[in-house]
Amino acid sequence: MYYCARKGCNKEVTPDELKALPGIKCSHCGYRILYKKRPGVIKRIKAN
C-alpha cells in the first residue's frame, strides 16, 4: 500500500491503481509523490 504525500489528500493507493495509470501518481489528486506504508511489525535484531 502507498499513500499520497499531498497534505489535503492522504488517500491510500493500491499497487493495482498504480498499474492502471501511466507513470506514478495518486489516482485521486494526480500528485506525483507517494510514500510506501510500513508494516506494523517491528523487527528486533540482537546486537553483539
N, C-alpha and C. Protein backbone atom coordinates (compact mmCIF):
# COMPACT_ATOMS: atom_id res chain seq x y z
N MET A 1 0.83 -1.18 0.00
CA MET A 1 0.00 0.00 0.00
C MET A 1 0.88 1.25 0.00
N TYR A 2 0.41 2.25 -0.68
CA TYR A 2 1.07 3.55 -0.73
C TYR A 2 0.06 4.61 -0.32
N TYR A 3 0.55 5.77 0.10
CA TYR A 3 -0.35 6.87 0.37
C TYR A 3 0.23 8.17 -0.17
N CYS A 4 -0.66 9.05 -0.54
CA CYS A 4 -0.30 10.31 -1.18
C CYS A 4 0.38 11.25 -0.18
N ALA A 5 1.37 12.00 -0.64
CA ALA A 5 2.12 12.91 0.22
C ALA A 5 1.49 14.30 0.29
N ARG A 6 0.51 14.59 -0.55
CA ARG A 6 -0.14 15.89 -0.52
C ARG A 6 -0.91 16.05 0.79
N LYS A 7 -0.78 17.20 1.42
CA LYS A 7 -1.32 17.42 2.75
C LYS A 7 -2.84 17.25 2.81
N GLY A 8 -3.57 17.72 1.85
CA GLY A 8 -5.02 17.63 1.88
C GLY A 8 -5.57 16.29 1.42
N CYS A 9 -4.78 15.51 0.70
CA CYS A 9 -5.27 14.26 0.11
C CYS A 9 -5.09 13.07 1.06
N ASN A 10 -3.86 12.63 1.27
CA ASN A 10 -3.51 11.49 2.14
C ASN A 10 -4.33 10.23 1.86
N LYS A 11 -4.73 10.00 0.61
CA LYS A 11 -5.50 8.82 0.25
C LYS A 11 -4.57 7.63 0.04
N GLU A 12 -5.06 6.44 0.34
CA GLU A 12 -4.29 5.23 0.10
C GLU A 12 -4.43 4.83 -1.37
N VAL A 13 -3.31 4.40 -1.97
CA VAL A 13 -3.29 3.99 -3.36
C VAL A 13 -2.78 2.56 -3.41
N THR A 14 -3.52 1.67 -4.05
CA THR A 14 -3.10 0.28 -4.15
C THR A 14 -2.17 0.10 -5.35
N PRO A 15 -1.37 -0.96 -5.34
CA PRO A 15 -0.49 -1.23 -6.49
C PRO A 15 -1.27 -1.44 -7.79
N ASP A 16 -2.49 -1.97 -7.70
CA ASP A 16 -3.31 -2.16 -8.90
C ASP A 16 -3.70 -0.82 -9.51
N GLU A 17 -4.00 0.17 -8.68
CA GLU A 17 -4.33 1.51 -9.17
C GLU A 17 -3.11 2.15 -9.83
N LEU A 18 -1.90 1.88 -9.30
CA LEU A 18 -0.68 2.44 -9.89
C LEU A 18 -0.43 1.85 -11.27
N LYS A 19 -0.74 0.56 -11.45
CA LYS A 19 -0.53 -0.08 -12.75
C LYS A 19 -1.48 0.47 -13.81
N ALA A 20 -2.67 0.90 -13.39
CA ALA A 20 -3.68 1.39 -14.33
C ALA A 20 -3.32 2.77 -14.89
N LEU A 21 -2.60 3.58 -14.12
CA LEU A 21 -2.25 4.94 -14.55
C LEU A 21 -0.89 4.97 -15.24
N PRO A 22 -0.71 5.84 -16.21
CA PRO A 22 0.62 6.00 -16.80
C PRO A 22 1.52 6.79 -15.85
N GLY A 23 2.65 6.23 -15.48
CA GLY A 23 3.54 6.89 -14.54
C GLY A 23 3.11 6.63 -13.11
N ILE A 24 3.83 7.20 -12.17
CA ILE A 24 3.50 7.03 -10.76
C ILE A 24 2.87 8.31 -10.26
N LYS A 25 1.60 8.22 -9.90
CA LYS A 25 0.91 9.38 -9.32
C LYS A 25 -0.34 8.92 -8.59
N CYS A 26 -0.84 9.78 -7.73
CA CYS A 26 -2.03 9.50 -6.95
C CYS A 26 -3.24 9.40 -7.88
N SER A 27 -4.05 8.37 -7.67
CA SER A 27 -5.23 8.18 -8.53
C SER A 27 -6.35 9.15 -8.18
N HIS A 28 -6.25 9.83 -7.03
CA HIS A 28 -7.30 10.75 -6.60
C HIS A 28 -7.02 12.20 -7.00
N CYS A 29 -5.77 12.66 -6.74
CA CYS A 29 -5.47 14.07 -6.99
C CYS A 29 -4.41 14.29 -8.08
N GLY A 30 -3.67 13.23 -8.47
CA GLY A 30 -2.66 13.36 -9.51
C GLY A 30 -1.29 13.79 -9.00
N TYR A 31 -1.12 13.90 -7.69
CA TYR A 31 0.17 14.28 -7.11
C TYR A 31 1.18 13.17 -7.35
N ARG A 32 2.45 13.51 -7.61
CA ARG A 32 3.43 12.53 -8.03
C ARG A 32 4.34 12.00 -6.92
N ILE A 33 4.10 12.38 -5.68
CA ILE A 33 4.92 11.88 -4.57
C ILE A 33 4.06 10.96 -3.71
N LEU A 34 4.50 9.69 -3.61
CA LEU A 34 3.80 8.70 -2.81
C LEU A 34 4.76 8.10 -1.79
N TYR A 35 4.25 7.77 -0.62
CA TYR A 35 5.03 7.10 0.41
C TYR A 35 4.55 5.67 0.54
N LYS A 36 5.48 4.75 0.77
CA LYS A 36 5.11 3.36 0.98
C LYS A 36 4.77 3.17 2.45
N LYS A 37 3.65 2.52 2.69
CA LYS A 37 3.20 2.28 4.06
C LYS A 37 4.05 1.18 4.68
N ARG A 38 4.52 1.41 5.88
CA ARG A 38 5.35 0.43 6.57
C ARG A 38 4.47 -0.60 7.28
N PRO A 39 4.97 -1.83 7.42
CA PRO A 39 4.20 -2.83 8.15
C PRO A 39 4.18 -2.51 9.64
N GLY A 40 3.17 -2.99 10.34
CA GLY A 40 3.03 -2.71 11.77
C GLY A 40 3.94 -3.53 12.65
N VAL A 41 4.64 -4.51 12.08
CA VAL A 41 5.51 -5.40 12.85
C VAL A 41 6.89 -4.76 12.99
N ILE A 42 7.42 -4.76 14.20
CA ILE A 42 8.75 -4.21 14.46
C ILE A 42 9.72 -5.37 14.54
N LYS A 43 10.78 -5.30 13.72
CA LYS A 43 11.81 -6.33 13.77
C LYS A 43 12.83 -5.96 14.83
N ARG A 44 13.18 -6.93 15.65
CA ARG A 44 14.21 -6.71 16.67
C ARG A 44 15.38 -7.64 16.37
N ILE A 45 16.57 -7.05 16.28
CA ILE A 45 17.78 -7.81 15.98
C ILE A 45 18.72 -7.64 17.15
N LYS A 46 19.20 -8.77 17.66
CA LYS A 46 20.11 -8.74 18.82
C LYS A 46 21.51 -8.32 18.36
N ALA A 47 22.04 -7.28 19.00
CA ALA A 47 23.39 -6.79 18.68
C ALA A 47 24.41 -7.45 19.62
N ASN A 48 25.54 -7.75 19.09
CA ASN A 48 26.58 -8.37 19.91
C ASN A 48 27.57 -7.36 20.39
